[in-house]
Amino acid sequence: MITFTNVKTGMQVDRGATQDEEFIYEGKPLLVETDMEGVITYANRRFVEVSGYTKEELVGSPHCVHMHPNMPESVFRDACQKTSEGKTWSGYICNISKGGIGYWTELTVQPKKDQNNTLVGFMATRRAPNPDELEKVIQEYDDLKASGDANARSQYCGEVFIGRGACQF
């Protein structure tokens, strides 16, 4: 079990151990917004349902509460680099539910800027992935992890996104 602290409420939020079970998401878009510190500021109803967390657990929790530990770190590094430059990033991601079950989506992360064009946070939209493309991507991720590349190690909250000013989405 992994425990996160919700900075808004102080509540401890638990995520179950990673299960050997996963599915491909097939519903309407899942939306999450974060501030610059990577703290969730908004999650739509569909994301709440799929993730298994309550809205009260999500809003104020670190975005990595739903990041699957078996994803290659290099995928997140690429997303961080692009979004911190004010660019949009898109790719396939396996997230993890409160119960520890993985689910694959196509993720688009867009920087949010204020009226002065200052970066103030990020919006992540998850959609149903193209099954043919997803099969190829999963194989690429497996190959990357099997390569032993230091950037391919599994990651949990804190290993990739650490401290103030670190890449967050």
N, C-alpha and C. Protein backbone atom coordinates (compact mmCIF):
# COMPACT_ATOMS: atom_id res chain seq x y z
N MET A 1 0.84 -1.17 0.00
CA MET A 1 0.00 0.00 0.00
C MET A 1 0.89 1.24 0.00
N ILE A 2 0.48 2.25 -0.77
CA ILE A 2 1.17 3.53 -0.84
C ILE A 2 0.25 4.58 -0.21
N THR A 3 0.80 5.47 0.59
CA THR A 3 0.01 6.52 1.24
C THR A 3 0.50 7.88 0.78
N PHE A 4 -0.46 8.74 0.41
CA PHE A 4 -0.20 10.11 0.00
C PHE A 4 -0.88 11.03 0.98
N THR A 5 -0.38 12.25 1.11
CA THR A 5 -1.04 13.24 1.95
C THR A 5 -1.70 14.28 1.06
N ASN A 6 -2.98 14.52 1.30
CA ASN A 6 -3.72 15.56 0.60
C ASN A 6 -3.36 16.88 1.27
N VAL A 7 -2.69 17.78 0.52
CA VAL A 7 -2.22 19.03 1.12
C VAL A 7 -3.37 19.99 1.42
N LYS A 8 -4.50 19.79 0.79
CA LYS A 8 -5.65 20.66 1.02
C LYS A 8 -6.36 20.32 2.32
N THR A 9 -6.54 18.99 2.56
CA THR A 9 -7.30 18.55 3.73
C THR A 9 -6.44 17.95 4.83
N GLY A 10 -5.19 17.58 4.51
CA GLY A 10 -4.34 16.90 5.47
C GLY A 10 -4.67 15.41 5.58
N MET A 11 -5.68 14.96 4.85
CA MET A 11 -6.13 13.57 4.88
C MET A 11 -5.07 12.65 4.25
N GLN A 12 -4.90 11.49 4.84
CA GLN A 12 -4.04 10.46 4.26
C GLN A 12 -4.87 9.70 3.21
N VAL A 13 -4.31 9.56 2.02
CA VAL A 13 -4.98 8.87 0.92
C VAL A 13 -4.17 7.63 0.59
N ASP A 14 -4.81 6.47 0.67
CA ASP A 14 -4.13 5.20 0.43
C ASP A 14 -4.43 4.68 -0.97
N ARG A 15 -3.40 4.08 -1.58
CA ARG A 15 -3.57 3.36 -2.85
C ARG A 15 -3.14 1.93 -2.60
N GLY A 16 -3.93 1.01 -3.08
CA GLY A 16 -3.62 -0.40 -2.89
C GLY A 16 -2.37 -0.82 -3.63
N ALA A 17 -1.88 -1.98 -3.30
CA ALA A 17 -0.71 -2.54 -3.97
C ALA A 17 -1.02 -2.78 -5.44
N THR A 18 0.00 -2.68 -6.27
CA THR A 18 -0.17 -2.89 -7.71
C THR A 18 -0.63 -4.31 -7.97
N GLN A 19 -1.72 -4.43 -8.70
CA GLN A 19 -2.29 -5.73 -9.06
C GLN A 19 -1.73 -6.17 -10.41
N ASP A 20 -1.84 -7.47 -10.70
CA ASP A 20 -1.45 -8.00 -12.01
C ASP A 20 -2.62 -7.92 -12.97
N GLU A 21 -3.39 -6.86 -12.86
CA GLU A 21 -4.59 -6.71 -13.67
C GLU A 21 -4.58 -5.31 -14.28
N GLU A 22 -4.99 -5.23 -15.55
CA GLU A 22 -5.10 -3.93 -16.19
C GLU A 22 -6.14 -4.00 -17.30
N PHE A 23 -6.60 -2.84 -17.73
CA PHE A 23 -7.58 -2.78 -18.81
C PHE A 23 -7.31 -1.56 -19.67
N ILE A 24 -7.92 -1.53 -20.84
CA ILE A 24 -7.82 -0.39 -21.75
C ILE A 24 -9.06 0.46 -21.54
N TYR A 25 -8.87 1.71 -21.19
CA TYR A 25 -9.99 2.61 -20.94
C TYR A 25 -10.74 2.87 -22.25
N GLU A 26 -12.09 2.85 -22.18
CA GLU A 26 -12.90 3.00 -23.39
C GLU A 26 -14.02 4.02 -23.24
N GLY A 27 -13.97 4.91 -22.29
CA GLY A 27 -15.07 5.84 -22.06
C GLY A 27 -14.81 7.25 -22.54
N LYS A 28 -15.61 8.17 -22.01
CA LYS A 28 -15.47 9.60 -22.33
C LYS A 28 -14.19 10.12 -21.69
N PRO A 29 -13.71 11.31 -22.14
CA PRO A 29 -12.44 11.85 -21.63
C PRO A 29 -12.39 12.00 -20.11
N LEU A 30 -11.21 11.71 -19.57
CA LEU A 30 -10.89 11.89 -18.16
C LEU A 30 -10.07 13.17 -18.06
N LEU A 31 -10.47 14.10 -17.21
CA LEU A 31 -9.77 15.38 -17.10
C LEU A 31 -9.23 15.59 -15.70
N VAL A 32 -7.99 16.07 -15.63
CA VAL A 32 -7.36 16.43 -14.36
C VAL A 32 -6.57 17.71 -14.60
N GLU A 33 -6.66 18.64 -13.66
CA GLU A 33 -5.84 19.85 -13.71
C GLU A 33 -4.99 19.90 -12.45
N THR A 34 -3.77 20.44 -12.61
CA THR A 34 -2.87 20.59 -11.46
C THR A 34 -2.33 22.01 -11.42
N ASP A 35 -1.82 22.38 -10.25
CA ASP A 35 -1.10 23.64 -10.13
C ASP A 35 0.36 23.39 -10.49
N MET A 36 1.20 24.37 -10.31
CA MET A 36 2.62 24.24 -10.66
C MET A 36 3.37 23.29 -9.73
N GLU A 37 2.82 22.99 -8.59
CA GLU A 37 3.45 22.06 -7.65
C GLU A 37 3.03 20.62 -7.90
N GLY A 38 2.19 20.40 -8.93
CA GLY A 38 1.74 19.05 -9.23
C GLY A 38 0.61 18.58 -8.35
N VAL A 39 -0.07 19.50 -7.68
CA VAL A 39 -1.19 19.16 -6.82
C VAL A 39 -2.48 19.25 -7.65
N ILE A 40 -3.30 18.23 -7.56
CA ILE A 40 -4.54 18.19 -8.33
C ILE A 40 -5.48 19.29 -7.83
N THR A 41 -5.96 20.12 -8.76
CA THR A 41 -6.90 21.19 -8.43
C THR A 41 -8.29 20.90 -8.96
N TYR A 42 -8.39 19.96 -9.92
CA TYR A 42 -9.69 19.61 -10.50
C TYR A 42 -9.60 18.21 -11.09
N ALA A 43 -10.66 17.44 -10.93
CA ALA A 43 -10.80 16.13 -11.58
C ALA A 43 -12.27 15.99 -11.97
N ASN A 44 -12.52 15.63 -13.24
CA ASN A 44 -13.91 15.50 -13.65
C ASN A 44 -14.53 14.22 -13.09
N ARG A 45 -15.84 14.15 -13.16
CA ARG A 45 -16.59 13.03 -12.59
C ARG A 45 -16.12 11.69 -13.17
N ARG A 46 -15.86 11.65 -14.46
CA ARG A 46 -15.43 10.40 -15.11
C ARG A 46 -14.08 9.95 -14.53
N PHE A 47 -13.15 10.88 -14.31
CA PHE A 47 -11.86 10.50 -13.72
C PHE A 47 -12.05 9.97 -12.31
N VAL A 48 -12.91 10.62 -11.54
CA VAL A 48 -13.19 10.18 -10.17
C VAL A 48 -13.70 8.73 -10.20
N GLU A 49 -14.63 8.44 -11.09
CA GLU A 49 -15.20 7.10 -11.19
C GLU A 49 -14.16 6.05 -11.57
N VAL A 50 -13.36 6.34 -12.60
CA VAL A 50 -12.38 5.36 -13.08
C VAL A 50 -11.24 5.17 -12.09
N SER A 51 -10.80 6.26 -11.45
CA SER A 51 -9.67 6.16 -10.53
C SER A 51 -10.02 5.44 -9.23
N GLY A 52 -11.28 5.50 -8.84
CA GLY A 52 -11.69 4.87 -7.58
C GLY A 52 -11.54 5.76 -6.36
N TYR A 53 -10.96 6.94 -6.54
CA TYR A 53 -10.82 7.90 -5.45
C TYR A 53 -12.05 8.79 -5.40
N THR A 54 -12.33 9.37 -4.25
CA THR A 54 -13.37 10.38 -4.17
C THR A 54 -12.79 11.70 -4.64
N LYS A 55 -13.63 12.64 -4.99
CA LYS A 55 -13.16 13.96 -5.40
C LYS A 55 -12.40 14.61 -4.25
N GLU A 56 -12.86 14.39 -3.01
CA GLU A 56 -12.20 14.96 -1.83
C GLU A 56 -10.80 14.37 -1.64
N GLU A 57 -10.61 13.12 -2.02
CA GLU A 57 -9.28 12.51 -1.93
C GLU A 57 -8.36 13.06 -3.02
N LEU A 58 -8.90 13.28 -4.21
CA LEU A 58 -8.08 13.71 -5.34
C LEU A 58 -7.66 15.17 -5.27
N VAL A 59 -8.61 16.08 -5.09
CA VAL A 59 -8.29 17.50 -5.10
C VAL A 59 -7.44 17.82 -3.86
N GLY A 60 -6.21 18.23 -4.11
CA GLY A 60 -5.26 18.49 -3.04
C GLY A 60 -4.19 17.42 -2.93
N SER A 61 -4.35 16.31 -3.65
CA SER A 61 -3.35 15.23 -3.63
C SER A 61 -2.36 15.42 -4.77
N PRO A 62 -1.17 14.83 -4.65
CA PRO A 62 -0.19 14.93 -5.74
C PRO A 62 -0.69 14.17 -6.96
N HIS A 63 -0.39 14.70 -8.14
CA HIS A 63 -0.85 14.06 -9.37
C HIS A 63 -0.35 12.62 -9.50
N CYS A 64 0.77 12.32 -8.89
CA CYS A 64 1.34 10.98 -9.05
C CYS A 64 0.56 9.91 -8.30
N VAL A 65 -0.49 10.29 -7.59
CA VAL A 65 -1.33 9.31 -6.90
C VAL A 65 -1.88 8.29 -7.91
N HIS A 66 -2.01 8.68 -9.18
CA HIS A 66 -2.57 7.78 -10.19
C HIS A 66 -1.56 7.35 -11.25
N MET A 67 -0.27 7.54 -10.99
CA MET A 67 0.75 7.14 -11.96
C MET A 67 1.23 5.72 -11.66
N HIS A 68 1.14 4.86 -12.66
CA HIS A 68 1.51 3.45 -12.49
C HIS A 68 3.01 3.32 -12.30
N PRO A 69 3.44 2.57 -11.29
CA PRO A 69 4.88 2.44 -11.00
C PRO A 69 5.67 1.67 -12.05
N ASN A 70 5.00 0.98 -12.97
CA ASN A 70 5.73 0.21 -13.98
C ASN A 70 5.96 0.97 -15.28
N MET A 71 5.55 2.23 -15.34
CA MET A 71 5.80 3.03 -16.53
C MET A 71 7.27 3.44 -16.57
N PRO A 72 7.87 3.45 -17.77
CA PRO A 72 9.26 3.91 -17.87
C PRO A 72 9.38 5.39 -17.48
N GLU A 73 10.35 5.70 -16.68
CA GLU A 73 10.58 7.07 -16.24
C GLU A 73 10.82 8.01 -17.42
N SER A 74 11.48 7.52 -18.46
CA SER A 74 11.81 8.37 -19.60
C SER A 74 10.58 8.94 -20.28
N VAL A 75 9.46 8.25 -20.22
CA VAL A 75 8.21 8.76 -20.79
C VAL A 75 7.80 10.03 -20.05
N PHE A 76 7.87 10.00 -18.73
CA PHE A 76 7.50 11.17 -17.93
C PHE A 76 8.53 12.29 -18.07
N ARG A 77 9.79 11.94 -18.21
CA ARG A 77 10.82 12.97 -18.41
C ARG A 77 10.54 13.73 -19.71
N ASP A 78 10.18 13.00 -20.76
CA ASP A 78 9.86 13.63 -22.04
C ASP A 78 8.65 14.55 -21.89
N ALA A 79 7.62 14.07 -21.22
CA ALA A 79 6.42 14.88 -21.01
C ALA A 79 6.77 16.13 -20.21
N CYS A 80 7.57 15.98 -19.18
CA CYS A 80 7.98 17.13 -18.36
C CYS A 80 8.75 18.15 -19.15
N GLN A 81 9.68 17.69 -19.95
CA GLN A 81 10.50 18.60 -20.73
C GLN A 81 9.63 19.42 -21.67
N LYS A 82 8.75 18.75 -22.40
CA LYS A 82 7.91 19.45 -23.38
C LYS A 82 6.96 20.43 -22.70
N THR A 83 6.27 19.99 -21.65
CA THR A 83 5.28 20.87 -21.03
C THR A 83 5.93 22.03 -20.29
N SER A 84 7.10 21.81 -19.71
CA SER A 84 7.77 22.92 -19.01
C SER A 84 8.25 23.97 -20.00
N GLU A 85 8.39 23.58 -21.28
CA GLU A 85 8.74 24.53 -22.34
C GLU A 85 7.49 25.20 -22.91
N GLY A 86 6.33 24.90 -22.32
CA GLY A 86 5.08 25.49 -22.79
C GLY A 86 4.46 24.75 -23.96
N LYS A 87 4.95 23.55 -24.25
CA LYS A 87 4.44 22.74 -25.36
C LYS A 87 3.45 21.71 -24.85
N THR A 88 2.66 21.17 -25.76
CA THR A 88 1.72 20.10 -25.45
C THR A 88 2.42 18.77 -25.68
N TRP A 89 2.16 17.80 -24.79
CA TRP A 89 2.72 16.46 -24.91
C TRP A 89 1.58 15.47 -25.03
N SER A 90 1.78 14.45 -25.86
CA SER A 90 0.77 13.40 -26.01
C SER A 90 1.46 12.04 -26.10
N GLY A 91 0.86 11.04 -25.49
CA GLY A 91 1.40 9.69 -25.53
C GLY A 91 0.48 8.72 -24.82
N TYR A 92 0.89 7.48 -24.77
CA TYR A 92 0.11 6.44 -24.12
C TYR A 92 0.66 6.20 -22.72
N ILE A 93 -0.25 6.11 -21.76
CA ILE A 93 0.13 5.99 -20.35
C ILE A 93 -0.72 4.91 -19.69
N CYS A 94 -0.09 4.17 -18.79
CA CYS A 94 -0.84 3.28 -17.91
C CYS A 94 -0.92 3.98 -16.56
N ASN A 95 -2.14 4.27 -16.14
CA ASN A 95 -2.38 4.84 -14.82
C ASN A 95 -2.74 3.70 -13.87
N ILE A 96 -2.93 4.03 -12.60
CA ILE A 96 -3.28 3.02 -11.62
C ILE A 96 -4.42 3.55 -10.75
N SER A 97 -5.40 2.70 -10.52
CA SER A 97 -6.55 3.08 -9.71
C SER A 97 -6.23 2.94 -8.22
N LYS A 98 -7.13 3.45 -7.41
CA LYS A 98 -6.98 3.34 -5.96
C LYS A 98 -6.83 1.88 -5.52
N GLY A 99 -7.48 0.99 -6.23
CA GLY A 99 -7.41 -0.44 -5.91
C GLY A 99 -6.19 -1.14 -6.48
N GLY A 100 -5.31 -0.39 -7.19
CA GLY A 100 -4.07 -0.98 -7.70
C GLY A 100 -4.19 -1.58 -9.09
N ILE A 101 -5.30 -1.33 -9.79
CA ILE A 101 -5.51 -1.88 -11.13
C ILE A 101 -5.08 -0.86 -12.17
N GLY A 102 -4.27 -1.29 -13.13
CA GLY A 102 -3.77 -0.42 -14.18
C GLY A 102 -4.81 -0.20 -15.27
N TYR A 103 -4.77 0.98 -15.87
CA TYR A 103 -5.64 1.25 -17.02
C TYR A 103 -4.92 2.14 -18.01
N TRP A 104 -4.95 1.73 -19.29
CA TRP A 104 -4.25 2.42 -20.36
C TRP A 104 -5.12 3.49 -20.99
N THR A 105 -4.51 4.66 -21.24
CA THR A 105 -5.19 5.77 -21.90
C THR A 105 -4.23 6.46 -22.85
N GLU A 106 -4.78 7.26 -23.74
CA GLU A 106 -3.96 8.19 -24.51
C GLU A 106 -4.02 9.51 -23.77
N LEU A 107 -2.89 10.02 -23.37
CA LEU A 107 -2.80 11.21 -22.52
C LEU A 107 -2.30 12.40 -23.32
N THR A 108 -2.97 13.54 -23.15
CA THR A 108 -2.48 14.81 -23.68
C THR A 108 -2.34 15.76 -22.50
N VAL A 109 -1.15 16.33 -22.32
CA VAL A 109 -0.89 17.28 -21.25
C VAL A 109 -0.63 18.64 -21.88
N GLN A 110 -1.42 19.62 -21.45
CA GLN A 110 -1.29 20.98 -21.97
C GLN A 110 -0.95 21.93 -20.84
N PRO A 111 -0.02 22.83 -21.09
CA PRO A 111 0.27 23.86 -20.09
C PRO A 111 -0.91 24.83 -19.98
N LYS A 112 -1.19 25.30 -18.77
CA LYS A 112 -2.20 26.33 -18.54
C LYS A 112 -1.46 27.62 -18.22
N LYS A 113 -1.85 28.69 -18.92
CA LYS A 113 -1.20 29.98 -18.72
C LYS A 113 -2.23 31.02 -18.34
N ASP A 114 -1.79 32.03 -17.59
CA ASP A 114 -2.69 33.11 -17.20
C ASP A 114 -2.69 34.20 -18.28
N GLN A 115 -3.38 35.30 -18.02
CA GLN A 115 -3.50 36.39 -18.99
C GLN A 115 -2.17 37.04 -19.33
N ASN A 116 -1.15 36.85 -18.50
CA ASN A 116 0.19 37.39 -18.77
C ASN A 116 1.09 36.37 -19.46
N ASN A 117 0.49 35.25 -19.88
CA ASN A 117 1.20 34.16 -20.54
C ASN A 117 2.20 33.46 -19.60
N THR A 118 1.94 33.54 -18.30
CA THR A 118 2.77 32.87 -17.30
C THR A 118 2.20 31.47 -17.05
N LEU A 119 3.05 30.48 -17.03
CA LEU A 119 2.65 29.11 -16.76
C LEU A 119 2.11 28.99 -15.34
N VAL A 120 0.86 28.52 -15.18
CA VAL A 120 0.24 28.43 -13.86
C VAL A 120 -0.17 27.01 -13.47
N GLY A 121 -0.05 26.07 -14.39
CA GLY A 121 -0.43 24.69 -14.10
C GLY A 121 -0.55 23.90 -15.39
N PHE A 122 -1.20 22.74 -15.26
CA PHE A 122 -1.31 21.84 -16.41
C PHE A 122 -2.68 21.18 -16.44
N MET A 123 -3.14 20.87 -17.64
CA MET A 123 -4.38 20.13 -17.82
C MET A 123 -4.05 18.83 -18.55
N ALA A 124 -4.47 17.73 -17.97
CA ALA A 124 -4.24 16.42 -18.56
C ALA A 124 -5.57 15.81 -18.98
N THR A 125 -5.65 15.44 -20.25
CA THR A 125 -6.86 14.82 -20.79
C THR A 125 -6.51 13.40 -21.22
N ARG A 126 -7.26 12.44 -20.70
CA ARG A 126 -7.05 11.04 -21.05
C ARG A 126 -8.24 10.57 -21.87
N ARG A 127 -7.93 9.87 -22.96
CA ARG A 127 -8.96 9.34 -23.85
C ARG A 127 -8.70 7.87 -24.10
N ALA A 128 -9.70 7.22 -24.71
CA ALA A 128 -9.53 5.82 -25.10
C ALA A 128 -8.42 5.74 -26.14
N PRO A 129 -7.45 4.85 -25.94
CA PRO A 129 -6.35 4.73 -26.89
C PRO A 129 -6.74 3.91 -28.12
N ASN A 130 -6.00 4.11 -29.21
CA ASN A 130 -6.16 3.28 -30.40
C ASN A 130 -5.54 1.93 -30.08
N PRO A 131 -6.33 0.84 -30.09
CA PRO A 131 -5.80 -0.47 -29.68
C PRO A 131 -4.60 -0.95 -30.49
N ASP A 132 -4.58 -0.68 -31.80
CA ASP A 132 -3.45 -1.12 -32.63
C ASP A 132 -2.17 -0.37 -32.26
N GLU A 133 -2.28 0.94 -32.06
CA GLU A 133 -1.11 1.73 -31.66
C GLU A 133 -0.66 1.35 -30.26
N LEU A 134 -1.63 1.13 -29.37
CA LEU A 134 -1.30 0.81 -27.99
C LEU A 134 -0.48 -0.47 -27.89
N GLU A 135 -0.83 -1.46 -28.68
CA GLU A 135 -0.09 -2.73 -28.66
C GLU A 135 1.39 -2.49 -28.98
N LYS A 136 1.67 -1.64 -29.96
CA LYS A 136 3.06 -1.33 -30.34
C LYS A 136 3.76 -0.56 -29.22
N VAL A 137 3.05 0.39 -28.61
CA VAL A 137 3.64 1.21 -27.55
C VAL A 137 3.97 0.35 -26.33
N ILE A 138 3.08 -0.54 -25.96
CA ILE A 138 3.35 -1.43 -24.82
C ILE A 138 4.61 -2.24 -25.07
N GLN A 139 4.78 -2.73 -26.29
CA GLN A 139 5.99 -3.48 -26.63
C GLN A 139 7.22 -2.59 -26.53
N GLU A 140 7.12 -1.35 -27.02
CA GLU A 140 8.24 -0.41 -26.92
C GLU A 140 8.60 -0.15 -25.46
N TYR A 141 7.59 0.05 -24.61
CA TYR A 141 7.84 0.29 -23.19
C TYR A 141 8.49 -0.93 -22.54
N ASP A 142 8.00 -2.12 -22.89
CA ASP A 142 8.60 -3.34 -22.34
C ASP A 142 10.06 -3.48 -22.78
N ASP A 143 10.33 -3.18 -24.05
CA ASP A 143 11.70 -3.23 -24.56
C ASP A 143 12.58 -2.21 -23.84
N LEU A 144 12.05 -1.03 -23.63
CA LEU A 144 12.80 0.02 -22.94
C LEU A 144 13.15 -0.41 -21.52
N LYS A 145 12.18 -0.98 -20.82
CA LYS A 145 12.44 -1.44 -19.44
C LYS A 145 13.44 -2.60 -19.44
N ALA A 146 13.35 -3.49 -20.42
CA ALA A 146 14.25 -4.64 -20.49
C ALA A 146 15.68 -4.25 -20.87
N SER A 147 15.84 -3.07 -21.46
CA SER A 147 17.17 -2.63 -21.91
C SER A 147 18.12 -2.34 -20.76
N GLY A 148 17.56 -2.13 -19.56
CA GLY A 148 18.39 -1.80 -18.42
C GLY A 148 18.80 -0.34 -18.37
N ASP A 149 18.29 0.46 -19.29
CA ASP A 149 18.58 1.89 -19.32
C ASP A 149 18.16 2.51 -17.99
N ALA A 150 19.00 3.35 -17.42
CA ALA A 150 18.69 3.98 -16.14
C ALA A 150 17.41 4.81 -16.22
N ASN A 151 17.11 5.36 -17.40
CA ASN A 151 15.89 6.14 -17.56
C ASN A 151 14.65 5.27 -17.66
N ALA A 152 14.82 3.96 -17.73
CA ALA A 152 13.68 3.08 -17.89
C ALA A 152 13.21 2.49 -16.57
N ARG A 153 13.88 2.85 -15.46
CA ARG A 153 13.49 2.25 -14.19
C ARG A 153 12.07 2.65 -13.82
N SER A 154 11.43 1.81 -13.07
CA SER A 154 10.09 2.12 -12.60
C SER A 154 10.14 3.34 -11.71
N GLN A 155 9.04 4.05 -11.62
CA GLN A 155 9.02 5.27 -10.80
C GLN A 155 7.76 5.32 -9.95
N TYR A 156 7.94 5.88 -8.78
CA TYR A 156 6.82 6.19 -7.89
C TYR A 156 6.87 7.68 -7.65
N CYS A 157 5.84 8.20 -7.09
CA CYS A 157 5.79 9.62 -6.75
C CYS A 157 7.05 9.99 -5.97
N GLY A 158 7.72 11.02 -6.43
CA GLY A 158 8.91 11.47 -5.74
C GLY A 158 10.19 11.14 -6.47
N GLU A 159 10.23 10.05 -7.23
CA GLU A 159 11.45 9.71 -7.94
C GLU A 159 11.63 10.56 -9.19
N VAL A 160 10.54 10.91 -9.85
CA VAL A 160 10.63 11.71 -11.05
C VAL A 160 10.30 13.16 -10.75
N PHE A 161 9.29 13.39 -9.96
CA PHE A 161 8.79 14.73 -9.69
C PHE A 161 9.09 15.09 -8.23
N ILE A 162 10.24 15.72 -8.00
CA ILE A 162 10.62 15.98 -6.62
C ILE A 162 10.85 17.46 -6.39
N GLY A 163 10.28 17.95 -5.32
CA GLY A 163 10.57 19.29 -4.86
C GLY A 163 9.98 20.43 -5.66
N ARG A 164 10.01 21.60 -5.04
CA ARG A 164 9.52 22.82 -5.68
C ARG A 164 10.33 23.09 -6.94
N GLY A 165 9.64 23.43 -8.01
CA GLY A 165 10.31 23.73 -9.26
C GLY A 165 10.55 22.52 -10.14
N ALA A 166 10.32 21.32 -9.61
CA ALA A 166 10.49 20.13 -10.44
C ALA A 166 9.32 20.06 -11.43
N CYS A 167 9.52 19.32 -12.47
CA CYS A 167 8.48 19.18 -13.48
C CYS A 167 7.24 18.53 -12.86
N GLN A 168 6.12 19.14 -13.09
CA GLN A 168 4.85 18.63 -12.55
C GLN A 168 3.80 18.66 -13.64
N PHE A 169 2.87 17.75 -13.64
CA PHE A 169 1.69 17.86 -14.50
C PHE A 169 0.55 17.07 -13.92
